Amino acid sequence: MSQQPAIAPVPDRQPLDEHAAASIRAYAADQRARVDVLASVLEDIAEHGYPAAESGMLWEDARDAHLARLADEQPRVA
């Protein structure tokens, strides 16, 4: 993913209003941050191996925490 804007506008695209463009940029930044977290976890596993099962979290607890986070989020329009 490039941080640089396109050199020339693509002629067959319709421009977005400022609010829509800002929303898309915010969503992209959020997704980029999530991918960065995943990448850091994978790099840690590659460097140090898998964590011990005893040090992990039960999947039920992880699921419930994730569902609680989802319930607290603002609704989003795709």
C-alpha atoms as a PDB file:
ATOM      1  CA  MET A   1       0.000   0.000   0.000  1.00  0.00           C
ATOM      2  CA  SER A   2       1.491   3.231  -1.094  1.00  0.00           C
ATOM      3  CA  GLN A   3       1.321   6.442   0.907  1.00  0.00           C
ATOM      4  CA  GLN A   4       1.785   8.439  -2.291  1.00  0.00           C
ATOM      5  CA  PRO A   5      -1.166   9.810  -4.253  1.00  0.00           C
ATOM      6  CA  ALA A   6      -1.646   8.805  -7.873  1.00  0.00           C
ATOM      7  CA  ILE A   7       0.389  10.942 -10.276  1.00  0.00           C
ATOM      8  CA  ALA A   8      -2.470  11.622 -12.684  1.00  0.00           C
ATOM      9  CA  PRO A   9      -6.201  11.350 -12.042  1.00  0.00           C
ATOM     10  CA  VAL A  10      -7.857   8.338 -13.576  1.00  0.00           C
ATOM     11  CA  PRO A  11     -10.371   9.702 -16.113  1.00  0.00           C
ATOM     12  CA  ASP A  12     -13.147   7.143 -15.558  1.00  0.00           C
ATOM     13  CA  ARG A  13     -13.606   7.729 -11.805  1.00  0.00           C
ATOM     14  CA  GLN A  14     -16.107   9.969 -10.093  1.00  0.00           C
ATOM     15  CA  PRO A  15     -14.692  12.275  -7.407  1.00  0.00           C
ATOM     16  CA  LEU A  16     -15.902  11.965  -3.814  1.00  0.00           C
ATOM     17  CA  ASP A  17     -17.017  14.780  -1.591  1.00  0.00           C
ATOM     18  CA  GLU A  18     -14.652  15.746   1.238  1.00  0.00           C
ATOM     19  CA  HIS A  19     -16.626  13.923   3.926  1.00  0.00           C
ATOM     20  CA  ALA A  20     -16.689  10.641   1.998  1.00  0.00           C
ATOM     21  CA  ALA A  21     -12.988  10.887   1.179  1.00  0.00           C
ATOM     22  CA  ALA A  22     -12.153  11.579   4.835  1.00  0.00           C
ATOM     23  CA  SER A  23     -14.242   8.590   5.918  1.00  0.00           C
ATOM     24  CA  ILE A  24     -12.458   6.309   3.484  1.00  0.00           C
ATOM     25  CA  ARG A  25      -9.053   7.572   4.617  1.00  0.00           C
ATOM     26  CA  ALA A  26     -10.010   6.983   8.272  1.00  0.00           C
ATOM     27  CA  TYR A  27     -11.176   3.455   7.459  1.00  0.00           C
ATOM     28  CA  ALA A  28      -7.947   2.771   5.560  1.00  0.00           C
ATOM     29  CA  ALA A  29      -5.880   4.026   8.504  1.00  0.00           C
ATOM     30  CA  ASP A  30      -7.865   1.793  10.880  1.00  0.00           C
ATOM     31  CA  GLN A  31      -7.345  -1.245   8.668  1.00  0.00           C
ATOM     32  CA  ARG A  32      -3.638  -0.442   8.275  1.00  0.00           C
ATOM     33  CA  ALA A  33      -3.278  -0.272  12.072  1.00  0.00           C
ATOM     34  CA  ARG A  34      -4.998  -3.645  12.471  1.00  0.00           C
ATOM     35  CA  VAL A  35      -2.729  -5.227   9.879  1.00  0.00           C
ATOM     36  CA  ASP A  36       0.309  -3.727  11.607  1.00  0.00           C
ATOM     37  CA  VAL A  37      -0.756  -5.384  14.880  1.00  0.00           C
ATOM     38  CA  LEU A  38      -1.198  -8.732  13.138  1.00  0.00           C
ATOM     39  CA  ALA A  39       2.179  -8.370  11.422  1.00  0.00           C
ATOM     40  CA  SER A  40       3.896  -7.633  14.740  1.00  0.00           C
ATOM     41  CA  VAL A  41       2.333 -10.728  16.326  1.00  0.00           C
ATOM     42  CA  LEU A  42       3.454 -12.899  13.418  1.00  0.00           C
ATOM     43  CA  GLU A  43       6.964 -11.427  13.554  1.00  0.00           C
ATOM     44  CA  ASP A  44       7.102 -12.160  17.303  1.00  0.00           C
ATOM     45  CA  ILE A  45       6.042 -15.768  16.674  1.00  0.00           C
ATOM     46  CA  ALA A  46       8.668 -16.107  13.940  1.00  0.00           C
ATOM     47  CA  GLU A  47      11.348 -14.696  16.259  1.00  0.00           C
ATOM     48  CA  HIS A  48      10.451 -16.449  19.526  1.00  0.00           C
ATOM     49  CA  GLY A  49       8.189 -19.361  18.585  1.00  0.00           C
ATOM     50  CA  TYR A  50       4.601 -20.068  19.586  1.00  0.00           C
ATOM     51  CA  PRO A  51       3.479 -18.936  23.031  1.00  0.00           C
ATOM     52  CA  ALA A  52       2.773 -21.614  25.631  1.00  0.00           C
ATOM     53  CA  ALA A  53      -0.856 -22.712  25.759  1.00  0.00           C
ATOM     54  CA  GLU A  54      -0.971 -21.943  29.497  1.00  0.00           C
ATOM     55  CA  SER A  55      -0.175 -18.270  28.852  1.00  0.00           C
ATOM     56  CA  GLY A  56      -3.010 -17.805  26.359  1.00  0.00           C
ATOM     57  CA  MET A  57      -6.628 -16.805  26.673  1.00  0.00           C
ATOM     58  CA  LEU A  58      -9.570 -19.177  26.372  1.00  0.00           C
ATOM     59  CA  TRP A  59     -11.319 -18.713  23.047  1.00  0.00           C
ATOM     60  CA  GLU A  60     -14.630 -18.138  24.837  1.00  0.00           C
ATOM     61  CA  ASP A  61     -13.131 -15.210  26.755  1.00  0.00           C
ATOM     62  CA  ALA A  62     -11.578 -13.786  23.579  1.00  0.00           C
ATOM     63  CA  ARG A  63     -14.916 -14.135  21.761  1.00  0.00           C
ATOM     64  CA  ASP A  64     -16.870 -12.448  24.556  1.00  0.00           C
ATOM     65  CA  ALA A  65     -14.376  -9.574  24.737  1.00  0.00           C
ATOM     66  CA  HIS A  66     -14.542  -9.122  20.969  1.00  0.00           C
ATOM     67  CA  LEU A  67     -18.346  -9.140  20.964  1.00  0.00           C
ATOM     68  CA  ALA A  68     -18.371  -6.554  23.756  1.00  0.00           C
ATOM     69  CA  ARG A  69     -16.036  -4.317  21.711  1.00  0.00           C
ATOM     70  CA  LEU A  70     -18.299  -4.697  18.682  1.00  0.00           C
ATOM     71  CA  ALA A  71     -21.358  -3.772  20.743  1.00  0.00           C
ATOM     72  CA  ASP A  72     -19.631  -0.561  21.892  1.00  0.00           C
ATOM     73  CA  GLU A  73     -18.671   0.574  18.372  1.00  0.00           C
ATOM     74  CA  GLN A  74     -20.562   3.150  16.378  1.00  0.00           C
ATOM     75  CA  PRO A  75     -22.494   1.711  13.444  1.00  0.00           C
ATOM     76  CA  ARG A  76     -20.647   2.080  10.133  1.00  0.00           C
ATOM     77  CA  VAL A  77     -21.856   2.369   6.609  1.00  0.00           C
ATOM     78  CA  ALA A  78     -20.056   0.144   4.131  1.00  0.00           C
END
